[in-house]
PDB file of N, CA and C in Angstrom:
ATOM      1  N   MET A   1      81.681 120.362  86.876  1.00  0.00           N
ATOM      2  CA  MET A   1      80.476 120.306  86.083  1.00  0.00           C
ATOM      3  C   MET A   1      79.000 120.028  86.898  1.00  0.00           C
ATOM      4  N   VAL A   2      78.106 121.287  86.449  1.00  0.00           N
ATOM      5  CA  VAL A   2      76.834 120.991  87.631  1.00  0.00           C
ATOM      6  C   VAL A   2      75.857 120.587  86.733  1.00  0.00           C
ATOM      7  N   PHE A   3      75.700 120.814  85.024  1.00  0.00           N
ATOM      8  CA  PHE A   3      74.597 120.619  84.529  1.00  0.00           C
ATOM      9  C   PHE A   3      74.749 120.627  83.055  1.00  0.00           C
ATOM     10  N   SER A   4      74.324 119.764  82.064  1.00  0.00           N
ATOM     11  CA  SER A   4      74.449 119.827  80.881  1.00  0.00           C
ATOM     12  C   SER A   4      73.185 119.373  79.967  1.00  0.00           C
ATOM     13  N   THR A   5      73.079 120.282  78.697  1.00  0.00           N
ATOM     14  CA  THR A   5      71.637 120.158  78.011  1.00  0.00           C
ATOM     15  C   THR A   5      72.215 118.814  77.041  1.00  0.00           C
ATOM     16  N   ASN A   6      73.088 118.700  76.449  1.00  0.00           N
ATOM     17  CA  ASN A   6      73.841 117.944  75.377  1.00  0.00           C
ATOM     18  C   ASN A   6      73.829 116.641  76.213  1.00  0.00           C
ATOM     19  N   ARG A   7      72.775 115.749  75.316  1.00  0.00           N
ATOM     20  CA  ARG A   7      72.588 114.211  75.990  1.00  0.00           C
ATOM     21  C   ARG A   7      73.583 113.367  75.280  1.00  0.00           C
ATOM     22  N   GLU A   8      74.331 113.728  74.481  1.00  0.00           N
ATOM     23  CA  GLU A   8      75.504 112.877  73.823  1.00  0.00           C
ATOM     24  C   GLU A   8      76.794 113.263  74.692  1.00  0.00           C
ATOM     25  N   TRP A   9      76.911 114.590  75.450  1.00  0.00           N
ATOM     26  CA  TRP A   9      78.252 114.456  76.061  1.00  0.00           C
ATOM     27  C   TRP A   9      78.206 113.635  77.203  1.00  0.00           C
ATOM     28  N   THR A  10      79.596 113.469  77.393  1.00  0.00           N
ATOM     29  CA  THR A  10      80.099 112.413  78.407  1.00  0.00           C
ATOM     30  C   THR A  10      81.151 113.101  79.060  1.00  0.00           C
ATOM     31  N   PRO A  11      81.148 113.150  80.337  1.00  0.00           N
ATOM     32  CA  PRO A  11      82.331 113.561  81.131  1.00  0.00           C
ATOM     33  C   PRO A  11      83.738 113.120  80.588  1.00  0.00           C
ATOM     34  N   PRO A  12      84.864 113.949  80.728  1.00  0.00           N
ATOM     35  CA  PRO A  12      86.064 113.258  80.537  1.00  0.00           C
ATOM     36  C   PRO A  12      86.593 112.178  81.566  1.00  0.00           C
ATOM     37  N   GLU A  13      87.070 111.375  81.395  1.00  0.00           N
ATOM     38  CA  GLU A  13      87.581 110.189  82.484  1.00  0.00           C
ATOM     39  C   GLU A  13      88.600 110.951  83.022  1.00  0.00           C
ATOM     40  N   GLU A  14      88.551 110.946  84.539  1.00  0.00           N
ATOM     41  CA  GLU A  14      89.250 111.224  85.591  1.00  0.00           C
ATOM     42  C   GLU A  14      90.534 110.178  85.728  1.00  0.00           C
ATOM     43  N   GLU A  15      91.393 110.821  85.837  1.00  0.00           N
ATOM     44  CA  GLU A  15      92.804 110.218  86.229  1.00  0.00           C
ATOM     45  C   GLU A  15      92.741 109.860  87.326  1.00  0.00           C
ATOM     46  N   ASN A  16      93.333 108.451  87.950  1.00  0.00           N
ATOM     47  CA  ASN A  16      93.338 108.142  89.092  1.00  0.00           C
ATOM     48  C   ASN A  16      94.220 108.941  90.014  1.00  0.00           C
ATOM     49  N   GLU A  17      93.667 109.546  90.916  1.00  0.00           N
ATOM     50  CA  GLU A  17      94.602 110.447  91.810  1.00  0.00           C
ATOM     51  C   GLU A  17      95.555 109.592  93.094  1.00  0.00           C
ATOM     52  N   THR A  18      95.730 108.379  92.671  1.00  0.00           N
ATOM     53  CA  THR A  18      96.166 107.650  93.931  1.00  0.00           C
ATOM     54  C   THR A  18      97.603 107.943  94.242  1.00  0.00           C
ATOM     55  N   ALA A  19      98.257 107.613  95.484  1.00  0.00           N
ATOM     56  CA  ALA A  19      99.749 108.053  95.876  1.00  0.00           C
ATOM     57  C   ALA A  19     100.462 107.142  94.910  1.00  0.00           C
ATOM     58  N   SER A  20     101.346 107.858  94.463  1.00  0.00           N
ATOM     59  CA  SER A  20     102.342 106.929  93.425  1.00  0.00           C
ATOM     60  C   SER A  20     103.147 105.973  94.407  1.00  0.00           C
ATOM     61  N   GLU A  21     103.252 104.683  93.809  1.00  0.00           N
ATOM     62  CA  GLU A  21     104.038 103.470  94.428  1.00  0.00           C
ATOM     63  C   GLU A  21     105.504 104.030  94.585  1.00  0.00           C
ATOM     64  N   ILE A  22     105.995 104.063  95.638  1.00  0.00           N
ATOM     65  CA  ILE A  22     107.686 104.531  96.016  1.00  0.00           C
ATOM     66  C   ILE A  22     108.206 103.273  96.406  1.00  0.00           C
ATOM     67  N   LEU A  23     109.114 103.005  95.611  1.00  0.00           N
ATOM     68  CA  LEU A  23     109.899 101.519  95.825  1.00  0.00           C
ATOM     69  C   LEU A  23     110.320 101.305  97.198  1.00  0.00           C
ATOM     70  N   PRO A  24     110.347 100.280  97.776  1.00  0.00           N
ATOM     71  CA  PRO A  24     110.682  99.726  99.175  1.00  0.00           C
ATOM     72  C   PRO A  24     111.891 100.195  99.501  1.00  0.00           C
ATOM     73  N   GLY A  25     112.850 100.144  98.438  1.00  0.00           N
ATOM     74  CA  GLY A  25     114.323 100.523  98.804  1.00  0.00           C
ATOM     75  C   GLY A  25     114.847 102.144  99.014  1.00  0.00           C
ATOM     76  N   LYS A  26     113.489 103.074  98.684  1.00  0.00           N
ATOM     77  CA  LYS A  26     113.776 104.484  98.654  1.00  0.00           C
ATOM     78  C   LYS A  26     112.670 104.846  99.955  1.00  0.00           C
ATOM     79  N   GLN A  27     112.023 103.979 100.755  1.00  0.00           N
ATOM     80  CA  GLN A  27     111.426 104.301 101.761  1.00  0.00           C
ATOM     81  C   GLN A  27     111.951 104.189 103.150  1.00  0.00           C
ATOM     82  N   LEU A  28     112.058 105.085 104.142  1.00  0.00           N
ATOM     83  CA  LEU A  28     112.560 105.072 105.331  1.00  0.00           C
ATOM     84  C   LEU A  28     111.525 104.661 106.228  1.00  0.00           C
ATOM     85  N   LEU A  29     111.422 103.808 106.994  1.00  0.00           N
ATOM     86  CA  LEU A  29     110.330 103.253 108.000  1.00  0.00           C
ATOM     87  C   LEU A  29     111.126 103.421 109.210  1.00  0.00           C
ATOM     88  N   TYR A  30     109.941 104.102 110.208  1.00  0.00           N
ATOM     89  CA  TYR A  30     110.574 104.115 111.509  1.00  0.00           C
ATOM     90  C   TYR A  30     109.716 103.268 112.206  1.00  0.00           C
ATOM     91  N   ILE A  31     110.661 102.578 113.251  1.00  0.00           N
ATOM     92  CA  ILE A  31     109.726 101.446 114.285  1.00  0.00           C
ATOM     93  C   ILE A  31     109.760 102.020 115.457  1.00  0.00           C
ATOM     94  N   GLY A  32     108.871 101.998 116.491  1.00  0.00           N
ATOM     95  CA  GLY A  32     108.936 102.228 117.805  1.00  0.00           C
ATOM     96  C   GLY A  32     108.098 101.669 118.564  1.00  0.00           C
ATOM     97  N   ARG A  33     108.213 101.948 119.963  1.00  0.00           N
ATOM     98  CA  ARG A  33     107.300 101.245 120.643  1.00  0.00           C
ATOM     99  C   ARG A  33     106.395 102.167 121.537  1.00  0.00           C
ATOM    100  N   GLN A  34     105.293 102.034 121.901  1.00  0.00           N
ATOM    101  CA  GLN A  34     104.544 102.697 122.499  1.00  0.00           C
ATOM    102  C   GLN A  34     103.539 102.246 123.315  1.00  0.00           C
ATOM    103  N   SER A  35     103.028 102.725 124.718  1.00  0.00           N
ATOM    104  CA  SER A  35     102.284 101.898 125.841  1.00  0.00           C
ATOM    105  C   SER A  35     101.529 103.033 126.243  1.00  0.00           C
ATOM    106  N   LYS A  36     101.606 104.390 125.908  1.00  0.00           N
ATOM    107  CA  LYS A  36     100.623 105.368 126.187  1.00  0.00           C
ATOM    108  C   LYS A  36      99.095 105.247 125.484  1.00  0.00           C
ATOM    109  N   GLN A  37      97.919 105.477 126.616  1.00  0.00           N
ATOM    110  CA  GLN A  37      96.759 105.315 125.930  1.00  0.00           C
ATOM    111  C   GLN A  37      96.059 104.095 125.398  1.00  0.00           C
ATOM    112  N   ARG A  38      97.004 102.910 125.987  1.00  0.00           N
ATOM    113  CA  ARG A  38      96.697 101.502 125.499  1.00  0.00           C
ATOM    114  C   ARG A  38      96.519 100.669 126.888  1.00  0.00           C
ATOM    115  N   ALA A  39      95.952 101.108 127.808  1.00  0.00           N
ATOM    116  CA  ALA A  39      95.803 100.476 128.673  1.00  0.00           C
ATOM    117  C   ALA A  39      97.068  99.796 129.555  1.00  0.00           C
ATOM    118  N   GLY A  40      97.939 100.325 129.151  1.00  0.00           N
ATOM    119  CA  GLY A  40      99.393  99.834 129.649  1.00  0.00           C
ATOM    120  C   GLY A  40      99.898  98.590 128.804  1.00  0.00           C
ATOM    121  N   LYS A  41      99.379  98.385 127.694  1.00  0.00           N
ATOM    122  CA  LYS A  41      99.745  97.065 127.050  1.00  0.00           C
ATOM    123  C   LYS A  41     100.674  97.908 125.869  1.00  0.00           C
ATOM    124  N   THR A  42     101.713  97.188 125.436  1.00  0.00           N
ATOM    125  CA  THR A  42     102.936  97.640 124.876  1.00  0.00           C
ATOM    126  C   THR A  42     102.365  97.434 123.288  1.00  0.00           C
ATOM    127  N   VAL A  43     102.948  98.246 122.316  1.00  0.00           N
ATOM    128  CA  VAL A  43     102.551  97.936 120.909  1.00  0.00           C
ATOM    129  C   VAL A  43     103.865  98.535 120.186  1.00  0.00           C
ATOM    130  N   THR A  44     103.916  97.936 118.868  1.00  0.00           N
ATOM    131  CA  THR A  44     105.196  98.154 117.801  1.00  0.00           C
ATOM    132  C   THR A  44     104.453  99.188 116.804  1.00  0.00           C
ATOM    133  N   LEU A  45     104.774 100.217 116.424  1.00  0.00           N
ATOM    134  CA  LEU A  45     104.330 101.255 115.330  1.00  0.00           C
ATOM    135  C   LEU A  45     105.402 101.333 114.391  1.00  0.00           C
ATOM    136  N   VAL A  46     104.957 101.078 113.266  1.00  0.00           N
ATOM    137  CA  VAL A  46     105.788 101.182 112.012  1.00  0.00           C
ATOM    138  C   VAL A  46     105.249 102.443 111.514  1.00  0.00           C
ATOM    139  N   SER A  47     105.945 103.724 111.239  1.00  0.00           N
ATOM    140  CA  SER A  47     105.300 104.731 110.491  1.00  0.00           C
ATOM    141  C   SER A  47     106.157 105.324 109.579  1.00  0.00           C
ATOM    142  N   GLY A  48     105.945 106.071 108.423  1.00  0.00           N
ATOM    143  CA  GLY A  48     106.701 106.324 107.336  1.00  0.00           C
ATOM    144  C   GLY A  48     106.388 105.981 106.057  1.00  0.00           C
ATOM    145  N   PHE A  49     105.410 105.033 106.173  1.00  0.00           N
ATOM    146  CA  PHE A  49     105.165 104.441 104.817  1.00  0.00           C
ATOM    147  C   PHE A  49     104.592 105.516 103.651  1.00  0.00           C
ATOM    148  N   ASN A  50     104.889 105.121 102.502  1.00  0.00           N
ATOM    149  CA  ASN A  50     104.384 106.316 101.649  1.00  0.00           C
ATOM    150  C   ASN A  50     103.594 105.181 100.585  1.00  0.00           C
ATOM    151  N   GLY A  51     102.434 105.250 100.102  1.00  0.00           N
ATOM    152  CA  GLY A  51     102.058 104.554  99.364  1.00  0.00           C
ATOM    153  C   GLY A  51     100.544 104.181  99.327  1.00  0.00           C
ATOM    154  N   THR A  52      99.651 103.350  98.785  1.00  0.00           N
ATOM    155  CA  THR A  52      98.139 103.495  98.981  1.00  0.00           C
ATOM    156  C   THR A  52      97.717 102.601 100.306  1.00  0.00           C
ATOM    157  N   GLU A  53      96.702 102.930 100.670  1.00  0.00           N
ATOM    158  CA  GLU A  53      96.038 102.281 101.835  1.00  0.00           C
ATOM    159  C   GLU A  53      96.398 100.308 101.581  1.00  0.00           C
ATOM    160  N   GLU A  54      95.960 100.263 100.482  1.00  0.00           N
ATOM    161  CA  GLU A  54      95.885  98.822 100.254  1.00  0.00           C
ATOM    162  C   GLU A  54      97.566  98.313 100.264  1.00  0.00           C
ATOM    163  N   ALA A  55      98.383  99.104  99.940  1.00  0.00           N
ATOM    164  CA  ALA A  55      99.860  98.580  99.843  1.00  0.00           C
ATOM    165  C   ALA A  55     100.235  98.514 101.454  1.00  0.00           C
ATOM    166  N   LEU A  56      99.502  99.583 102.477  1.00  0.00           N
ATOM    167  CA  LEU A  56     100.003  99.474 103.530  1.00  0.00           C
ATOM    168  C   LEU A  56      98.952  98.450 104.454  1.00  0.00           C
ATOM    169  N   GLY A  57      98.091  98.067 104.007  1.00  0.00           N
ATOM    170  CA  GLY A  57      97.134  96.813 104.565  1.00  0.00           C
ATOM    171  C   GLY A  57      97.953  95.483 104.280  1.00  0.00           C
ATOM    172  N   GLU A  58      98.397  95.386 102.957  1.00  0.00           N
ATOM    173  CA  GLU A  58      99.183  94.259 102.492  1.00  0.00           C
ATOM    174  C   GLU A  58     100.610  93.993 103.349  1.00  0.00           C
ATOM    175  N   LEU A  59     101.250  95.212 103.615  1.00  0.00           N
ATOM    176  CA  LEU A  59     102.536  94.915 104.107  1.00  0.00           C
ATOM    177  C   LEU A  59     102.239  94.757 105.964  1.00  0.00           C
ATOM    178  N   CYS A  60     101.216  95.276 106.501  1.00  0.00           N
ATOM    179  CA  CYS A  60     100.536  95.044 107.495  1.00  0.00           C
ATOM    180  C   CYS A  60     100.437  93.357 107.786  1.00  0.00           C
ATOM    181  N   THR A  61      99.424  92.940 106.670  1.00  0.00           N
ATOM    182  CA  THR A  61      99.241  91.340 107.258  1.00  0.00           C
ATOM    183  C   THR A  61     100.536  90.658 106.848  1.00  0.00           C
ATOM    184  N   THR A  62     101.641  91.250 106.200  1.00  0.00           N
ATOM    185  CA  THR A  62     102.772  90.315 106.038  1.00  0.00           C
ATOM    186  C   THR A  62     103.364  90.239 107.432  1.00  0.00           C
ATOM    187  N   LEU A  63     103.471  91.191 107.721  1.00  0.00           N
ATOM    188  CA  LEU A  63     104.329  91.337 109.133  1.00  0.00           C
ATOM    189  C   LEU A  63     103.713  90.744 110.316  1.00  0.00           C
ATOM    190  N   LYS A  64     102.204  90.815 110.251  1.00  0.00           N
ATOM    191  CA  LYS A  64     101.494  90.130 111.074  1.00  0.00           C
ATOM    192  C   LYS A  64     101.640  88.520 111.238  1.00  0.00           C
ATOM    193  N   LYS A  65     101.631  88.036 110.098  1.00  0.00           N
ATOM    194  CA  LYS A  65     101.869  86.546 109.753  1.00  0.00           C
ATOM    195  C   LYS A  65     103.260  86.039 110.137  1.00  0.00           C
ATOM    196  N   ARG A  66     104.318  86.997 109.702  1.00  0.00           N
ATOM    197  CA  ARG A  66     105.641  86.758 110.086  1.00  0.00           C
ATOM    198  C   ARG A  66     105.979  86.627 111.513  1.00  0.00           C
ATOM    199  N   CYS A  67     105.356  87.498 112.080  1.00  0.00           N
ATOM    200  CA  CYS A  67     105.582  87.659 113.835  1.00  0.00           C
ATOM    201  C   CYS A  67     104.798  87.007 114.470  1.00  0.00           C
ATOM    202  N   GLY A  68     103.780  86.489 114.047  1.00  0.00           N
ATOM    203  CA  GLY A  68     102.737  85.358 114.749  1.00  0.00           C
ATOM    204  C   GLY A  68     102.150  86.404 115.496  1.00  0.00           C
ATOM    205  N   ILE A  69     101.860  87.447 115.596  1.00  0.00           N
ATOM    206  CA  ILE A  69     100.873  88.431 116.491  1.00  0.00           C
ATOM    207  C   ILE A  69      99.578  88.845 115.614  1.00  0.00           C
ATOM    208  N   GLY A  70      98.915  89.789 116.443  1.00  0.00           N
ATOM    209  CA  GLY A  70      97.927  90.697 115.852  1.00  0.00           C
ATOM    210  C   GLY A  70      98.183  92.283 115.704  1.00  0.00           C
ATOM    211  N   GLY A  71      97.398  92.908 115.157  1.00  0.00           N
ATOM    212  CA  GLY A  71      97.784  94.094 115.112  1.00  0.00           C
ATOM    213  C   GLY A  71      96.668  94.811 113.655  1.00  0.00           C
ATOM    214  N   SER A  72      97.120  96.097 113.038  1.00  0.00           N
ATOM    215  CA  SER A  72      96.335  96.575 112.357  1.00  0.00           C
ATOM    216  C   SER A  72      96.825  97.855 111.813  1.00  0.00           C
ATOM    217  N   SER A  73      96.140  98.470 110.592  1.00  0.00           N
ATOM    218  CA  SER A  73      97.038  99.567 109.956  1.00  0.00           C
ATOM    219  C   SER A  73      95.911 100.753 110.222  1.00  0.00           C
ATOM    220  N   LYS A  74      96.486 101.613 110.349  1.00  0.00           N
ATOM    221  CA  LYS A  74      95.333 102.904 110.578  1.00  0.00           C
ATOM    222  C   LYS A  74      96.182 104.271 110.435  1.00  0.00           C
ATOM    223  N   ASP A  75      95.722 105.182 109.989  1.00  0.00           N
ATOM    224  CA  ASP A  75      96.060 106.397 109.787  1.00  0.00           C
ATOM    225  C   ASP A  75      97.811 106.306 109.215  1.00  0.00           C
ATOM    226  N   GLY A  76      98.002 105.594 108.410  1.00  0.00           N
ATOM    227  CA  GLY A  76      99.278 105.468 107.739  1.00  0.00           C
ATOM    228  C   GLY A  76     100.080 104.762 108.639  1.00  0.00           C
ATOM    229  N   GLU A  77      99.764 104.509 109.538  1.00  0.00           N
ATOM    230  CA  GLU A  77     100.691 103.480 110.501  1.00  0.00           C
ATOM    231  C   GLU A  77     100.388 101.954 110.690  1.00  0.00           C
ATOM    232  N   ILE A  78     101.209 101.455 111.001  1.00  0.00           N
ATOM    233  CA  ILE A  78     100.957  99.830 111.005  1.00  0.00           C
ATOM    234  C   ILE A  78     101.274  99.636 112.714  1.00  0.00           C
ATOM    235  N   ILE A  79     100.113  99.347 113.305  1.00  0.00           N
ATOM    236  CA  ILE A  79     100.181  98.944 114.914  1.00  0.00           C
ATOM    237  C   ILE A  79     100.158  97.487 114.903  1.00  0.00           C
ATOM    238  N   LEU A  80     101.235  96.876 115.657  1.00  0.00           N
ATOM    239  CA  LEU A  80     101.575  95.437 115.803  1.00  0.00           C
ATOM    240  C   LEU A  80     101.361  95.234 117.342  1.00  0.00           C
ATOM    241  N   GLN A  81     100.764  94.308 117.863  1.00  0.00           N
ATOM    242  CA  GLN A  81     100.544  94.087 119.339  1.00  0.00           C
ATOM    243  C   GLN A  81     101.932  93.535 120.039  1.00  0.00           C
ATOM    244  N   GLY A  82     102.254  94.080 121.033  1.00  0.00           N
ATOM    245  CA  GLY A  82     103.659  93.430 121.848  1.00  0.00           C
ATOM    246  C   GLY A  82     104.820  94.452 121.217  1.00  0.00           C
ATOM    247  N   ASP A  83     106.202  94.033 121.731  1.00  0.00           N
ATOM    248  CA  ASP A  83     107.194  94.545 121.468  1.00  0.00           C
ATOM    249  C   ASP A  83     108.173  93.608 120.756  1.00  0.00           C
ATOM    250  N   CYS A  84     107.976  93.856 119.389  1.00  0.00           N
ATOM    251  CA  CYS A  84     108.362  93.003 118.353  1.00  0.00           C
ATOM    252  C   CYS A  84     109.280  93.869 117.539  1.00  0.00           C
ATOM    253  N   ARG A  85     110.061  94.923 118.017  1.00  0.00           N
ATOM    254  CA  ARG A  85     110.761  95.741 116.992  1.00  0.00           C
ATOM    255  C   ARG A  85     111.894  95.264 116.370  1.00  0.00           C
ATOM    256  N   GLU A  86     112.573  94.106 116.962  1.00  0.00           N
ATOM    257  CA  GLU A  86     113.660  93.704 116.003  1.00  0.00           C
ATOM    258  C   GLU A  86     113.473  92.995 115.153  1.00  0.00           C
ATOM    259  N   LYS A  87     112.214  92.167 115.420  1.00  0.00           N
ATOM    260  CA  LYS A  87     112.018  90.858 114.381  1.00  0.00           C
ATOM    261  C   LYS A  87     111.193  91.857 113.287  1.00  0.00           C
ATOM    262  N   THR A  88     110.662  92.857 113.457  1.00  0.00           N
ATOM    263  CA  THR A  88     110.099  93.706 112.557  1.00  0.00           C
ATOM    264  C   THR A  88     110.876  94.452 111.735  1.00  0.00           C
ATOM    265  N   LYS A  89     111.956  94.736 112.323  1.00  0.00           N
ATOM    266  CA  LYS A  89     113.045  95.325 111.521  1.00  0.00           C
ATOM    267  C   LYS A  89     113.708  94.512 110.576  1.00  0.00           C
ATOM    268  N   ILE A  90     113.854  92.957 111.124  1.00  0.00           N
ATOM    269  CA  ILE A  90     114.397  92.276 110.190  1.00  0.00           C
ATOM    270  C   ILE A  90     113.623  91.671 108.977  1.00  0.00           C
ATOM    271  N   ILE A  91     112.384  91.675 109.503  1.00  0.00           N
ATOM    272  CA  ILE A  91     111.282  91.467 108.185  1.00  0.00           C
ATOM    273  C   ILE A  91     111.399  92.414 107.028  1.00  0.00           C
ATOM    274  N   LEU A  92     111.382  93.778 107.424  1.00  0.00           N
ATOM    275  CA  LEU A  92     111.074  94.912 106.782  1.00  0.00           C
ATOM    276  C   LEU A  92     112.567  95.307 105.861  1.00  0.00           C
ATOM    277  N   GLU A  93     113.724  94.936 106.625  1.00  0.00           N
ATOM    278  CA  GLU A  93     114.810  94.885 105.767  1.00  0.00           C
ATOM    279  C   GLU A  93     114.894  93.662 104.605  1.00  0.00           C
ATOM    280  N   GLU A  94     114.380  92.614 105.000  1.00  0.00           N
ATOM    281  CA  GLU A  94     114.087  91.629 103.909  1.00  0.00           C
ATOM    282  C   GLU A  94     113.319  91.769 102.785  1.00  0.00           C
ATOM    283  N   LEU A  95     112.421  92.846 102.838  1.00  0.00           N
ATOM    284  CA  LEU A  95     111.498  93.359 101.991  1.00  0.00           C
ATOM    285  C   LEU A  95     112.060  94.219 101.294  1.00  0.00           C
ATOM    286  N   GLY A  96     113.483  94.626 101.601  1.00  0.00           N
ATOM    287  CA  GLY A  96     113.826  95.802 100.959  1.00  0.00           C
ATOM    288  C   GLY A  96     113.677  97.129 101.367  1.00  0.00           C
ATOM    289  N   TYR A  97     112.859  97.665 102.353  1.00  0.00           N
ATOM    290  CA  TYR A  97     112.815  98.684 103.146  1.00  0.00           C
ATOM    291  C   TYR A  97     114.182  99.105 104.218  1.00  0.00           C
ATOM    292  N   LYS A  98     114.104 100.532 103.901  1.00  0.00           N
ATOM    293  CA  LYS A  98     115.127 100.922 104.882  1.00  0.00           C
ATOM    294  C   LYS A  98     114.482 101.234 106.252  1.00  0.00           C
ATOM    295  N   THR A  99     115.274 100.855 107.505  1.00  0.00           N
ATOM    296  CA  THR A  99     114.626 101.094 108.746  1.00  0.00           C
ATOM    297  C   THR A  99     115.412 102.060 109.547  1.00  0.00           C
ATOM    298  N   ARG A 100     114.749 102.408 110.532  1.00  0.00           N
ATOM    299  CA  ARG A 100     115.425 103.173 111.680  1.00  0.00           C
ATOM    300  C   ARG A 100     114.701 102.716 113.249  1.00  0.00           C
ATOM    301  N   LEU A 101     115.091 102.445 114.128  1.00  0.00           N
ATOM    302  CA  LEU A 101     114.520 102.246 115.414  1.00  0.00           C
ATOM    303  C   LEU A 101     114.381 103.651 116.196  1.00  0.00           C
ATOM    304  N   LYS A 102     113.154 104.198 116.693  1.00  0.00           N
ATOM    305  CA  LYS A 102     113.240 105.223 117.235  1.00  0.00           C
ATOM    306  C   LYS A 102     113.658 105.110 119.018  1.00  0.00           C
TER     307      LYS A 102
END
């Protein structure tokens, strides 16, 4: 809608078009290791997450706390400092996610 002369008219409420939450048991997360374009430093990448950015951030925070390391979530991936693939796999499976190592 661009313009309306009716002063009493209100626009219809828009539905939230957020990504629907998929249960952890139905998601397959891929855990891999990468050191390219990171000045030789190794990082653990968790990809394949389907959900909102907020849910991704919460999962990232949980992994960082439980592993005791730093990291971030960016572009639908979780980036954790260091090679902690096995520990990350155990934590994600405890949370109910299906995992696969790359």
